[in-house]
Amino acid sequence: MKRKIYCTIPQDQIKEPLLYTLGNQFQVVPNIRGASVTDEIALLALELEGDAAEIDRAIQFLCARGVKVEDLSDAPDAHPA
């Protein structure tokens, strides 16, 4: 399964290896679809591929780190994977 999400990463987490951790600690493959990173904030459009339960766990990990996660898979213009 593939799920598209949009992440707003706060300043204190910008230098943390969040995507590395997603791919290493969870059975998901993160694919960066778009990004904008400054010293103050990072905005990432990601596609996560893997089992639905693992994707949910990965998203919970991000949220626990203070990352704001918006699910784009349910957006009206989203296309099924």
N, C-alpha and C. Protein backbone atom coordinates (compact mmCIF):
# COMPACT_ATOMS: atom_id res chain seq x y z
N MET A 1 0.84 -1.17 0.00
CA MET A 1 0.00 0.00 0.00
C MET A 1 0.88 1.23 0.00
N LYS A 2 0.38 2.29 -0.61
CA LYS A 2 1.08 3.57 -0.61
C LYS A 2 0.18 4.62 0.02
N ARG A 3 0.80 5.51 0.79
CA ARG A 3 0.04 6.58 1.45
C ARG A 3 0.82 7.86 1.33
N LYS A 4 0.14 8.91 0.88
CA LYS A 4 0.77 10.22 0.72
C LYS A 4 0.47 11.06 1.95
N ILE A 5 1.54 11.68 2.47
CA ILE A 5 1.38 12.55 3.63
C ILE A 5 2.18 13.83 3.41
N TYR A 6 1.79 14.86 4.14
CA TYR A 6 2.49 16.14 4.12
C TYR A 6 2.96 16.41 5.54
N CYS A 7 4.24 16.65 5.71
CA CYS A 7 4.83 16.81 7.04
C CYS A 7 5.36 18.23 7.23
N THR A 8 5.05 18.81 8.37
CA THR A 8 5.65 20.06 8.79
C THR A 8 6.55 19.72 9.97
N ILE A 9 7.85 19.85 9.74
CA ILE A 9 8.83 19.45 10.74
C ILE A 9 9.32 20.69 11.49
N PRO A 10 9.17 20.71 12.82
CA PRO A 10 9.58 21.88 13.59
C PRO A 10 11.11 22.04 13.62
N GLN A 11 11.52 23.23 13.97
CA GLN A 11 12.93 23.60 13.96
C GLN A 11 13.80 22.64 14.76
N ASP A 12 13.34 22.20 15.91
CA ASP A 12 14.18 21.34 16.76
C ASP A 12 14.35 19.93 16.20
N GLN A 13 13.61 19.56 15.16
CA GLN A 13 13.71 18.23 14.57
C GLN A 13 14.35 18.22 13.18
N ILE A 14 14.68 19.39 12.65
CA ILE A 14 15.18 19.48 11.27
C ILE A 14 16.46 18.67 11.07
N LYS A 15 17.34 18.68 12.02
CA LYS A 15 18.63 17.99 11.85
C LYS A 15 18.60 16.53 12.30
N GLU A 16 17.43 16.07 12.75
CA GLU A 16 17.29 14.67 13.17
C GLU A 16 17.09 13.79 11.94
N PRO A 17 17.60 12.56 11.95
CA PRO A 17 17.47 11.67 10.79
C PRO A 17 16.11 10.94 10.75
N LEU A 18 15.04 11.71 10.64
CA LEU A 18 13.70 11.14 10.71
C LEU A 18 13.42 10.15 9.58
N LEU A 19 13.78 10.49 8.35
CA LEU A 19 13.50 9.59 7.22
C LEU A 19 14.34 8.33 7.31
N TYR A 20 15.56 8.46 7.73
CA TYR A 20 16.41 7.29 7.94
C TYR A 20 15.76 6.36 8.97
N THR A 21 15.28 6.94 10.04
CA THR A 21 14.65 6.15 11.09
C THR A 21 13.40 5.47 10.57
N LEU A 22 12.61 6.16 9.75
CA LEU A 22 11.40 5.53 9.20
C LEU A 22 11.76 4.28 8.40
N GLY A 23 12.77 4.39 7.56
CA GLY A 23 13.17 3.26 6.74
C GLY A 23 13.87 2.15 7.50
N ASN A 24 14.48 2.50 8.62
CA ASN A 24 15.26 1.55 9.41
C ASN A 24 14.45 0.88 10.51
N GLN A 25 13.64 1.65 11.19
CA GLN A 25 12.92 1.16 12.37
C GLN A 25 11.55 0.58 12.02
N PHE A 26 11.00 1.00 10.89
CA PHE A 26 9.68 0.55 10.46
C PHE A 26 9.80 -0.08 9.08
N GLN A 27 8.90 -0.96 8.77
CA GLN A 27 8.91 -1.63 7.47
C GLN A 27 8.18 -0.77 6.43
N VAL A 28 8.71 0.45 6.21
CA VAL A 28 8.15 1.36 5.22
C VAL A 28 9.28 1.91 4.36
N VAL A 29 8.92 2.30 3.15
CA VAL A 29 9.86 2.94 2.25
C VAL A 29 9.39 4.38 2.05
N PRO A 30 10.13 5.37 2.60
CA PRO A 30 9.74 6.76 2.41
C PRO A 30 10.28 7.28 1.07
N ASN A 31 9.42 7.93 0.31
CA ASN A 31 9.79 8.51 -0.96
C ASN A 31 9.46 10.00 -0.91
N ILE A 32 10.47 10.85 -1.04
CA ILE A 32 10.25 12.29 -0.99
C ILE A 32 9.66 12.75 -2.33
N ARG A 33 8.47 13.33 -2.29
CA ARG A 33 7.80 13.82 -3.48
C ARG A 33 7.99 15.32 -3.65
N GLY A 34 8.37 15.99 -2.59
CA GLY A 34 8.64 17.43 -2.62
C GLY A 34 9.14 17.87 -1.26
N ALA A 35 9.95 18.93 -1.25
CA ALA A 35 10.50 19.38 0.03
C ALA A 35 10.92 20.84 -0.04
N SER A 36 10.84 21.49 1.11
CA SER A 36 11.36 22.83 1.30
C SER A 36 11.92 22.88 2.72
N VAL A 37 13.21 23.16 2.81
CA VAL A 37 13.87 23.13 4.12
C VAL A 37 14.60 24.45 4.34
N THR A 38 14.34 25.06 5.50
CA THR A 38 15.08 26.26 5.91
C THR A 38 15.64 25.98 7.30
N ASP A 39 16.29 26.96 7.89
CA ASP A 39 16.80 26.80 9.25
C ASP A 39 15.67 26.76 10.28
N GLU A 40 14.49 27.28 9.91
CA GLU A 40 13.38 27.39 10.85
C GLU A 40 12.36 26.26 10.74
N ILE A 41 12.18 25.71 9.53
CA ILE A 41 11.10 24.73 9.32
C ILE A 41 11.41 23.88 8.10
N ALA A 42 10.87 22.69 8.09
CA ALA A 42 11.00 21.81 6.92
C ALA A 42 9.60 21.33 6.54
N LEU A 43 9.30 21.40 5.26
CA LEU A 43 8.02 20.93 4.72
C LEU A 43 8.32 19.79 3.76
N LEU A 44 7.71 18.64 3.98
CA LEU A 44 7.96 17.47 3.15
C LEU A 44 6.66 16.87 2.65
N ALA A 45 6.62 16.58 1.37
CA ALA A 45 5.54 15.77 0.80
C ALA A 45 6.14 14.39 0.64
N LEU A 46 5.59 13.41 1.33
CA LEU A 46 6.14 12.05 1.33
C LEU A 46 5.11 11.05 0.84
N GLU A 47 5.62 9.99 0.25
CA GLU A 47 4.82 8.83 -0.06
C GLU A 47 5.44 7.69 0.74
N LEU A 48 4.65 7.07 1.59
CA LEU A 48 5.12 5.94 2.39
C LEU A 48 4.54 4.67 1.80
N GLU A 49 5.41 3.70 1.55
CA GLU A 49 4.96 2.43 1.00
C GLU A 49 5.26 1.32 2.00
N GLY A 50 4.28 0.46 2.21
CA GLY A 50 4.44 -0.64 3.14
C GLY A 50 3.09 -1.13 3.62
N ASP A 51 3.11 -1.99 4.61
CA ASP A 51 1.89 -2.50 5.23
C ASP A 51 1.18 -1.35 5.94
N ALA A 52 -0.15 -1.34 5.89
CA ALA A 52 -0.93 -0.25 6.49
C ALA A 52 -0.60 -0.05 7.97
N ALA A 53 -0.44 -1.14 8.71
CA ALA A 53 -0.14 -1.03 10.15
C ALA A 53 1.24 -0.41 10.37
N GLU A 54 2.21 -0.75 9.54
CA GLU A 54 3.56 -0.18 9.67
C GLU A 54 3.54 1.30 9.30
N ILE A 55 2.78 1.67 8.30
CA ILE A 55 2.66 3.09 7.93
C ILE A 55 2.05 3.86 9.09
N ASP A 56 1.02 3.31 9.71
CA ASP A 56 0.40 3.96 10.87
C ASP A 56 1.41 4.13 12.00
N ARG A 57 2.21 3.09 12.26
CA ARG A 57 3.24 3.17 13.30
C ARG A 57 4.28 4.25 12.97
N ALA A 58 4.67 4.33 11.71
CA ALA A 58 5.65 5.34 11.29
C ALA A 58 5.09 6.75 11.48
N ILE A 59 3.82 6.93 11.16
CA ILE A 59 3.19 8.24 11.33
C ILE A 59 3.09 8.59 12.81
N GLN A 60 2.77 7.61 13.64
CA GLN A 60 2.73 7.85 15.09
C GLN A 60 4.10 8.27 15.61
N PHE A 61 5.15 7.65 15.09
CA PHE A 61 6.52 8.03 15.45
C PHE A 61 6.77 9.50 15.11
N LEU A 62 6.40 9.91 13.89
CA LEU A 62 6.60 11.30 13.48
C LEU A 62 5.83 12.25 14.39
N CYS A 63 4.58 11.94 14.66
CA CYS A 63 3.76 12.79 15.52
C CYS A 63 4.35 12.90 16.92
N ALA A 64 4.89 11.81 17.43
CA ALA A 64 5.51 11.81 18.77
C ALA A 64 6.74 12.71 18.81
N ARG A 65 7.36 12.95 17.66
CA ARG A 65 8.52 13.83 17.56
C ARG A 65 8.12 15.28 17.31
N GLY A 66 6.82 15.57 17.28
CA GLY A 66 6.36 16.94 17.10
C GLY A 66 6.12 17.33 15.65
N VAL A 67 6.15 16.34 14.76
CA VAL A 67 5.91 16.61 13.34
C VAL A 67 4.41 16.66 13.10
N LYS A 68 3.95 17.70 12.42
CA LYS A 68 2.54 17.79 12.05
C LYS A 68 2.37 17.00 10.75
N VAL A 69 1.49 16.01 10.77
CA VAL A 69 1.29 15.12 9.62
C VAL A 69 -0.13 15.29 9.10
N GLU A 70 -0.24 15.58 7.80
CA GLU A 70 -1.53 15.66 7.14
C GLU A 70 -1.60 14.53 6.12
N ASP A 71 -2.68 13.77 6.15
CA ASP A 71 -2.85 12.65 5.23
C ASP A 71 -3.43 13.17 3.92
N LEU A 72 -2.66 13.04 2.84
CA LEU A 72 -3.11 13.50 1.53
C LEU A 72 -3.82 12.41 0.76
N SER A 73 -3.79 11.19 1.25
CA SER A 73 -4.42 10.08 0.54
C SER A 73 -5.93 10.24 0.48
N ASP A 74 -6.51 10.96 1.44
CA ASP A 74 -7.96 11.16 1.47
C ASP A 74 -8.38 12.45 0.78
N ALA A 75 -7.42 13.20 0.23
CA ALA A 75 -7.75 14.46 -0.44
C ALA A 75 -8.60 14.18 -1.66
N PRO A 76 -9.50 15.09 -2.01
CA PRO A 76 -10.40 14.88 -3.15
C PRO A 76 -9.68 14.65 -4.47
N ASP A 77 -8.50 15.25 -4.66
CA ASP A 77 -7.80 15.09 -5.93
C ASP A 77 -6.73 14.00 -5.87
N ALA A 78 -6.69 13.24 -4.77
CA ALA A 78 -5.70 12.17 -4.64
C ALA A 78 -6.12 10.99 -5.51
N HIS A 79 -5.14 10.35 -6.10
CA HIS A 79 -5.40 9.19 -6.95
C HIS A 79 -4.98 7.93 -6.21
N PRO A 80 -5.76 6.85 -6.34
CA PRO A 80 -5.37 5.61 -5.66
C PRO A 80 -4.05 5.07 -6.18
N ALA A 81 -3.29 4.46 -5.28
CA ALA A 81 -1.97 3.91 -5.67
C ALA A 81 -2.13 2.58 -6.38
